[in-house]
Amino acid sequence: MYESLFSPSFNLFAELEGLQRDMQQMFGTAGMPSSIRAVARGAFPAINIASTPKSAEIYAFAPGIDPAKLEVNVDRGVLTIAGERQSDLPQESDKVLTYAAERFTGSFRRAMTLPEDVDASNVQARYRNGVLHISLPRSESAQPKRIEVK
């Protein structure tokens, strides 16, 4: 009637996965961000954010975009990345049918709040091999300083 935890047919991990799926479906949390700073899966462009004592570094993964169509703005402590990716698929016609189109195309916009100690006047952005690298140096007053003891 009831399966034992020690039964060879009982898979604890599969049961826990099923329970998690049921909870996500019940409460509508499937596809939600994994942390307060993250966004739901599928947001474009995907980004990595790193921090060093001298700067904040942002890597936006946006292959297939014309750098002239990328727009990077900093305004009142908010960094915005916007642009557009054109479709490389041929136009549909009587002879051409698209069966699957999984790659994102169209306009996009991502915005993120910057740390207070970022020097917005010295932001640098470079696009190479499908990766937009934005370097945000920290202000001089925020840099760690060694104080000499006399």
C-alpha atoms as a PDB file:
ATOM      1  CA  MET A   1       0.000   0.000   0.000  1.00  0.00           C
ATOM      2  CA  TYR A   2       2.648   2.553   1.060  1.00  0.00           C
ATOM      3  CA  GLU A   3       6.133   2.493  -0.412  1.00  0.00           C
ATOM      4  CA  SER A   4       9.059   2.318   1.938  1.00  0.00           C
ATOM      5  CA  LEU A   5      11.912   4.813   1.845  1.00  0.00           C
ATOM      6  CA  PHE A   6      14.175   1.813   1.452  1.00  0.00           C
ATOM      7  CA  SER A   7      12.248   0.288  -1.433  1.00  0.00           C
ATOM      8  CA  PRO A   8      14.279   0.134  -4.688  1.00  0.00           C
ATOM      9  CA  SER A   9      11.372   1.674  -6.617  1.00  0.00           C
ATOM     10  CA  PHE A  10      11.187   4.765  -4.348  1.00  0.00           C
ATOM     11  CA  ASN A  11      13.216   7.751  -5.640  1.00  0.00           C
ATOM     12  CA  LEU A  12      13.372  10.497  -3.024  1.00  0.00           C
ATOM     13  CA  PHE A  13      14.890  13.081  -5.396  1.00  0.00           C
ATOM     14  CA  ALA A  14      12.229  12.503  -8.033  1.00  0.00           C
ATOM     15  CA  GLU A  15       9.542  12.903  -5.373  1.00  0.00           C
ATOM     16  CA  LEU A  16      11.079  16.178  -4.152  1.00  0.00           C
ATOM     17  CA  GLU A  17      11.373  17.473  -7.725  1.00  0.00           C
ATOM     18  CA  GLY A  18       7.715  16.667  -8.327  1.00  0.00           C
ATOM     19  CA  LEU A  19       6.720  18.422  -5.104  1.00  0.00           C
ATOM     20  CA  GLN A  20       8.721  21.506  -6.101  1.00  0.00           C
ATOM     21  CA  ARG A  21       7.082  21.556  -9.544  1.00  0.00           C
ATOM     22  CA  ASP A  22       3.625  21.259  -7.964  1.00  0.00           C
ATOM     23  CA  MET A  23       4.367  24.130  -5.553  1.00  0.00           C
ATOM     24  CA  GLN A  24       5.642  26.352  -8.367  1.00  0.00           C
ATOM     25  CA  GLN A  25       2.559  25.631 -10.421  1.00  0.00           C
ATOM     26  CA  MET A  26       0.223  26.230  -7.468  1.00  0.00           C
ATOM     27  CA  PHE A  27       1.805  29.536  -6.425  1.00  0.00           C
ATOM     28  CA  GLY A  28       2.763  30.747  -9.898  1.00  0.00           C
ATOM     29  CA  THR A  29       6.480  31.025  -9.237  1.00  0.00           C
ATOM     30  CA  ALA A  30       7.680  29.011 -12.239  1.00  0.00           C
ATOM     31  CA  GLY A  31      10.120  31.090 -14.268  1.00  0.00           C
ATOM     32  CA  MET A  32      10.532  33.676 -11.506  1.00  0.00           C
ATOM     33  CA  PRO A  33      13.954  35.085 -10.646  1.00  0.00           C
ATOM     34  CA  SER A  34      16.179  33.105  -8.314  1.00  0.00           C
ATOM     35  CA  SER A  35      17.197  36.217  -6.352  1.00  0.00           C
ATOM     36  CA  ILE A  36      16.058  39.777  -5.816  1.00  0.00           C
ATOM     37  CA  ARG A  37      18.689  41.118  -8.245  1.00  0.00           C
ATOM     38  CA  ALA A  38      17.971  38.599 -10.997  1.00  0.00           C
ATOM     39  CA  VAL A  39      15.281  38.662 -13.650  1.00  0.00           C
ATOM     40  CA  ALA A  40      13.238  35.824 -15.040  1.00  0.00           C
ATOM     41  CA  ARG A  41      14.902  33.373 -17.404  1.00  0.00           C
ATOM     42  CA  GLY A  42      14.810  34.432 -21.023  1.00  0.00           C
ATOM     43  CA  ALA A  43      15.514  38.130 -20.393  1.00  0.00           C
ATOM     44  CA  PHE A  44      17.669  39.586 -23.152  1.00  0.00           C
ATOM     45  CA  PRO A  45      20.511  40.258 -23.102  1.00  0.00           C
ATOM     46  CA  ALA A  46      21.716  37.874 -20.409  1.00  0.00           C
ATOM     47  CA  ILE A  47      24.168  39.661 -18.127  1.00  0.00           C
ATOM     48  CA  ASN A  48      26.934  38.909 -15.658  1.00  0.00           C
ATOM     49  CA  ILE A  49      27.824  41.558 -13.078  1.00  0.00           C
ATOM     50  CA  ALA A  50      31.143  41.585 -11.246  1.00  0.00           C
ATOM     51  CA  SER A  51      32.612  43.919  -8.674  1.00  0.00           C
ATOM     52  CA  THR A  52      36.229  44.810  -7.965  1.00  0.00           C
ATOM     53  CA  PRO A  53      37.611  47.364  -5.514  1.00  0.00           C
ATOM     54  CA  LYS A  54      38.216  49.744  -8.443  1.00  0.00           C
ATOM     55  CA  SER A  55      35.187  49.125 -10.675  1.00  0.00           C
ATOM     56  CA  ALA A  56      31.917  47.397 -11.423  1.00  0.00           C
ATOM     57  CA  GLU A  57      32.008  45.270 -14.572  1.00  0.00           C
ATOM     58  CA  ILE A  58      28.961  44.279 -16.611  1.00  0.00           C
ATOM     59  CA  TYR A  59      29.024  41.725 -19.418  1.00  0.00           C
ATOM     60  CA  ALA A  60      25.917  41.613 -21.610  1.00  0.00           C
ATOM     61  CA  PHE A  61      25.744  38.612 -23.947  1.00  0.00           C
ATOM     62  CA  ALA A  62      24.173  39.906 -27.153  1.00  0.00           C
ATOM     63  CA  PRO A  63      25.480  38.075 -30.236  1.00  0.00           C
ATOM     64  CA  GLY A  64      24.406  39.084 -33.702  1.00  0.00           C
ATOM     65  CA  ILE A  65      23.769  42.752 -32.954  1.00  0.00           C
ATOM     66  CA  ASP A  66      25.111  45.656 -34.967  1.00  0.00           C
ATOM     67  CA  PRO A  67      27.098  47.783 -32.459  1.00  0.00           C
ATOM     68  CA  ALA A  68      25.627  50.898 -34.087  1.00  0.00           C
ATOM     69  CA  LYS A  69      22.180  49.714 -32.919  1.00  0.00           C
ATOM     70  CA  LEU A  70      23.283  49.404 -29.261  1.00  0.00           C
ATOM     71  CA  GLU A  71      22.516  52.205 -26.835  1.00  0.00           C
ATOM     72  CA  VAL A  72      24.105  52.438 -23.374  1.00  0.00           C
ATOM     73  CA  ASN A  73      22.934  55.223 -21.029  1.00  0.00           C
ATOM     74  CA  VAL A  74      23.601  56.179 -17.419  1.00  0.00           C
ATOM     75  CA  ASP A  75      21.057  58.487 -15.835  1.00  0.00           C
ATOM     76  CA  ARG A  76      20.574  59.160 -12.110  1.00  0.00           C
ATOM     77  CA  GLY A  77      22.227  55.945 -11.016  1.00  0.00           C
ATOM     78  CA  VAL A  78      20.497  53.687 -13.548  1.00  0.00           C
ATOM     79  CA  LEU A  79      22.336  51.953 -16.390  1.00  0.00           C
ATOM     80  CA  THR A  80      20.184  51.162 -19.435  1.00  0.00           C
ATOM     81  CA  ILE A  81      21.167  48.866 -22.297  1.00  0.00           C
ATOM     82  CA  ALA A  82      18.873  49.028 -25.315  1.00  0.00           C
ATOM     83  CA  GLY A  83      19.024  47.915 -28.906  1.00  0.00           C
ATOM     84  CA  GLU A  84      17.533  45.758 -31.596  1.00  0.00           C
ATOM     85  CA  ARG A  85      18.450  42.418 -33.093  1.00  0.00           C
ATOM     86  CA  GLN A  86      17.308  41.751 -36.633  1.00  0.00           C
ATOM     87  CA  SER A  87      16.119  38.326 -37.710  1.00  0.00           C
ATOM     88  CA  ASP A  88      18.478  36.310 -39.917  1.00  0.00           C
ATOM     89  CA  LEU A  89      15.665  34.036 -41.081  1.00  0.00           C
ATOM     90  CA  PRO A  90      14.498  34.392 -44.674  1.00  0.00           C
ATOM     91  CA  GLN A  91      11.081  35.957 -45.199  1.00  0.00           C
ATOM     92  CA  GLU A  92       8.313  33.380 -45.155  1.00  0.00           C
ATOM     93  CA  SER A  93       6.766  32.637 -48.532  1.00  0.00           C
ATOM     94  CA  ASP A  94       5.187  29.744 -50.402  1.00  0.00           C
ATOM     95  CA  LYS A  95       8.616  28.095 -50.692  1.00  0.00           C
ATOM     96  CA  VAL A  96      10.013  28.965 -47.243  1.00  0.00           C
ATOM     97  CA  LEU A  97       8.410  27.898 -43.957  1.00  0.00           C
ATOM     98  CA  THR A  98       9.894  28.475 -40.503  1.00  0.00           C
ATOM     99  CA  TYR A  99       9.490  25.452 -38.238  1.00  0.00           C
ATOM    100  CA  ALA A 100      11.271  26.844 -35.174  1.00  0.00           C
ATOM    101  CA  ALA A 101      12.538  30.289 -34.199  1.00  0.00           C
ATOM    102  CA  GLU A 102      14.148  30.091 -30.747  1.00  0.00           C
ATOM    103  CA  ARG A 103      16.548  33.003 -31.058  1.00  0.00           C
ATOM    104  CA  PHE A 104      15.318  36.358 -29.737  1.00  0.00           C
ATOM    105  CA  THR A 105      14.737  39.073 -32.347  1.00  0.00           C
ATOM    106  CA  GLY A 106      13.341  42.578 -32.018  1.00  0.00           C
ATOM    107  CA  SER A 107      13.852  45.491 -29.645  1.00  0.00           C
ATOM    108  CA  PHE A 108      15.145  45.001 -26.116  1.00  0.00           C
ATOM    109  CA  ARG A 109      15.869  47.101 -23.020  1.00  0.00           C
ATOM    110  CA  ARG A 110      17.560  46.152 -19.720  1.00  0.00           C
ATOM    111  CA  ALA A 111      17.940  48.566 -16.824  1.00  0.00           C
ATOM    112  CA  MET A 112      19.850  48.108 -13.580  1.00  0.00           C
ATOM    113  CA  THR A 113      20.597  50.269 -10.566  1.00  0.00           C
ATOM    114  CA  LEU A 114      24.251  51.148 -10.115  1.00  0.00           C
ATOM    115  CA  PRO A 115      26.174  51.264  -6.839  1.00  0.00           C
ATOM    116  CA  GLU A 116      26.336  54.768  -5.365  1.00  0.00           C
ATOM    117  CA  ASP A 117      30.139  54.949  -5.588  1.00  0.00           C
ATOM    118  CA  VAL A 118      30.305  54.547  -9.401  1.00  0.00           C
ATOM    119  CA  ASP A 119      31.808  57.465 -11.334  1.00  0.00           C
ATOM    120  CA  ALA A 120      29.220  57.837 -14.131  1.00  0.00           C
ATOM    121  CA  SER A 121      31.381  60.317 -16.075  1.00  0.00           C
ATOM    122  CA  ASN A 122      34.031  57.671 -16.877  1.00  0.00           C
ATOM    123  CA  VAL A 123      31.914  54.729 -18.053  1.00  0.00           C
ATOM    124  CA  GLN A 124      33.394  52.746 -20.951  1.00  0.00           C
ATOM    125  CA  ALA A 125      31.558  50.308 -23.248  1.00  0.00           C
ATOM    126  CA  ARG A 126      33.082  47.902 -25.782  1.00  0.00           C
ATOM    127  CA  TYR A 127      31.352  45.353 -28.021  1.00  0.00           C
ATOM    128  CA  ARG A 128      33.427  42.422 -29.216  1.00  0.00           C
ATOM    129  CA  ASN A 129      32.545  38.884 -30.311  1.00  0.00           C
ATOM    130  CA  GLY A 130      28.904  39.284 -29.263  1.00  0.00           C
ATOM    131  CA  VAL A 131      29.688  40.515 -25.746  1.00  0.00           C
ATOM    132  CA  LEU A 132      29.050  44.082 -24.588  1.00  0.00           C
ATOM    133  CA  HIS A 133      31.522  44.872 -21.789  1.00  0.00           C
ATOM    134  CA  ILE A 134      30.663  47.931 -19.691  1.00  0.00           C
ATOM    135  CA  SER A 135      33.253  49.102 -17.187  1.00  0.00           C
ATOM    136  CA  LEU A 136      32.055  51.469 -14.461  1.00  0.00           C
ATOM    137  CA  PRO A 137      34.982  52.825 -12.418  1.00  0.00           C
ATOM    138  CA  ARG A 138      34.409  53.634  -8.765  1.00  0.00           C
ATOM    139  CA  SER A 139      34.951  57.245  -7.674  1.00  0.00           C
ATOM    140  CA  GLU A 140      38.345  58.117  -6.232  1.00  0.00           C
ATOM    141  CA  SER A 141      36.837  58.730  -2.786  1.00  0.00           C
ATOM    142  CA  ALA A 142      35.471  55.155  -2.757  1.00  0.00           C
ATOM    143  CA  GLN A 143      38.882  53.571  -3.469  1.00  0.00           C
ATOM    144  CA  PRO A 144      40.496  51.771  -0.557  1.00  0.00           C
ATOM    145  CA  LYS A 145      43.389  53.767   0.881  1.00  0.00           C
ATOM    146  CA  ARG A 146      46.219  52.681   3.109  1.00  0.00           C
ATOM    147  CA  ILE A 147      46.771  55.048   5.976  1.00  0.00           C
ATOM    148  CA  GLU A 148      50.308  55.338   7.236  1.00  0.00           C
ATOM    149  CA  VAL A 149      50.633  55.073  10.995  1.00  0.00           C
ATOM    150  CA  LYS A 150      53.137  57.520  12.479  1.00  0.00           C
END
